[in-house]
C-alpha cells in the first residue's frame, strides 16, 4: 500500500455536469476555448486500484493543451452544486 499524490503528475478528471468557463483565449495555445472544471485528488491504495481518494484540488483546464488555472475549493463546490445537477 502506498500514497500517490497526483499533483506531481497531474491526471485530471472531469467534474460531472460539464461545467465550463466563458470562452477566452488560452495563454499557452492561443485558441479561443471554454475552460473545463476538472479535479485531481490525493489517494491511498494499491497500484492501479485506488481505494481512497481524498483532498480534491479543482482547476479550470484548457481542453486543447495542458494549461490550467487553480480554482478555490469553496467556489468549485458551489459551482458543482448549482450547475452540476
Protein backbone atom coordinates (compact mmCIF):
# COMPACT_ATOMS: atom_id res chain seq x y z
CA UNK A 1 0.00 0.00 0.00
CA UNK A 2 1.32 3.46 -0.82
CA UNK A 3 0.47 7.09 -1.17
CA UNK A 4 0.15 8.70 -4.56
CA UNK A 5 -0.05 12.46 -4.87
CA UNK A 6 -1.47 13.19 -8.32
CA UNK A 7 -0.20 16.76 -8.26
CA UNK A 8 3.30 15.51 -9.13
CA UNK A 9 1.98 14.09 -12.41
CA UNK A 10 -1.46 15.62 -12.96
CA UNK A 11 -4.12 13.27 -14.24
CA UNK A 12 -7.24 15.40 -14.48
CA UNK A 13 -10.77 14.05 -14.10
CA UNK A 14 -13.76 15.98 -15.44
CA UNK A 15 -16.37 17.14 -12.94
CA UNK A 16 -19.85 15.76 -13.61
CA UNK A 17 -22.19 18.22 -15.24
CA UNK A 18 -19.81 19.60 -17.89
CA UNK A 19 -19.08 22.87 -16.07
CA UNK A 20 -17.21 25.39 -18.21
CA UNK A 21 -15.99 28.98 -18.03
CA UNK A 22 -16.95 31.54 -20.62
CA UNK A 23 -14.79 31.43 -23.74
CA UNK A 24 -11.43 33.11 -23.53
CA UNK A 25 -8.09 32.94 -25.29
CA UNK A 26 -5.70 30.43 -23.78
CA UNK A 27 -2.38 31.98 -22.79
CA UNK A 28 -0.45 28.89 -23.89
CA UNK A 29 -2.02 27.67 -27.16
CA UNK A 30 -3.77 30.93 -28.23
CA UNK A 31 -7.05 29.11 -29.01
CA UNK A 32 -10.39 30.61 -28.07
CA UNK A 33 -11.83 27.92 -25.78
CA UNK A 34 -14.08 27.45 -22.75
CA UNK A 35 -12.00 26.02 -19.90
CA UNK A 36 -13.50 22.90 -18.25
CA UNK A 37 -13.75 22.38 -14.50
CA UNK A 38 -11.58 19.37 -13.59
CA UNK A 39 -10.07 17.92 -10.43
CA UNK A 40 -7.18 15.87 -9.17
CA UNK A 41 -7.14 14.05 -5.83
CA UNK A 42 -4.57 12.68 -3.46
CA UNK A 43 -5.09 8.97 -2.97
CA UNK A 44 -4.06 5.96 -0.90
CA UNK A 45 -4.42 2.43 -2.12
CA UNK A 46 -2.86 -0.33 -4.19
CA UNK A 47 -1.14 0.42 -7.52
CA UNK A 48 -3.74 0.59 -10.28
CA UNK A 49 -6.70 0.21 -7.91
CA UNK A 50 -7.25 3.33 -5.83
CA UNK A 51 -9.45 2.62 -2.88
CA UNK A 52 -9.45 6.02 -1.20
CA UNK A 53 -9.23 9.45 -2.78
CA UNK A 54 -9.19 12.47 -0.54
CA UNK A 55 -8.27 16.15 -0.61
CA UNK A 56 -9.51 17.14 -4.09
CA UNK A 57 -7.94 20.07 -5.92
CA UNK A 58 -10.00 21.85 -8.59
CA UNK A 59 -8.83 23.61 -11.76
CA UNK A 60 -10.14 25.19 -14.93
CA UNK A 61 -8.26 23.35 -17.71
CA UNK A 62 -7.87 24.18 -21.38
CA UNK A 63 -9.40 21.33 -23.42
CA UNK A 64 -6.73 21.72 -26.13
CA UNK A 65 -3.44 22.00 -24.23
CA UNK A 66 -2.18 21.19 -20.70
CA UNK A 67 -2.69 24.76 -19.42
CA UNK A 68 -4.80 25.10 -16.25
CA UNK A 69 -5.79 27.69 -13.64
CA UNK A 70 -6.45 26.77 -9.98
CA UNK A 71 -9.95 27.25 -8.56
CA UNK A 72 -10.74 27.77 -4.88
CA UNK A 73 -12.31 24.67 -3.32
CA UNK A 74 -15.37 26.52 -1.99
CA UNK A 75 -16.02 28.15 -5.38
CA UNK A 76 -15.73 24.80 -7.16
CA UNK A 77 -18.10 23.08 -4.74
CA UNK A 78 -20.63 25.90 -5.17
CA UNK A 79 -20.42 25.53 -8.97
CA UNK A 80 -20.89 21.78 -8.72
CA UNK A 81 -23.99 22.06 -6.52
CA UNK A 82 -25.64 24.70 -8.72
CA UNK A 83 -24.62 23.63 -12.26
CA UNK A 84 -23.57 20.02 -11.85
CA UNK A 85 -27.04 18.53 -11.38
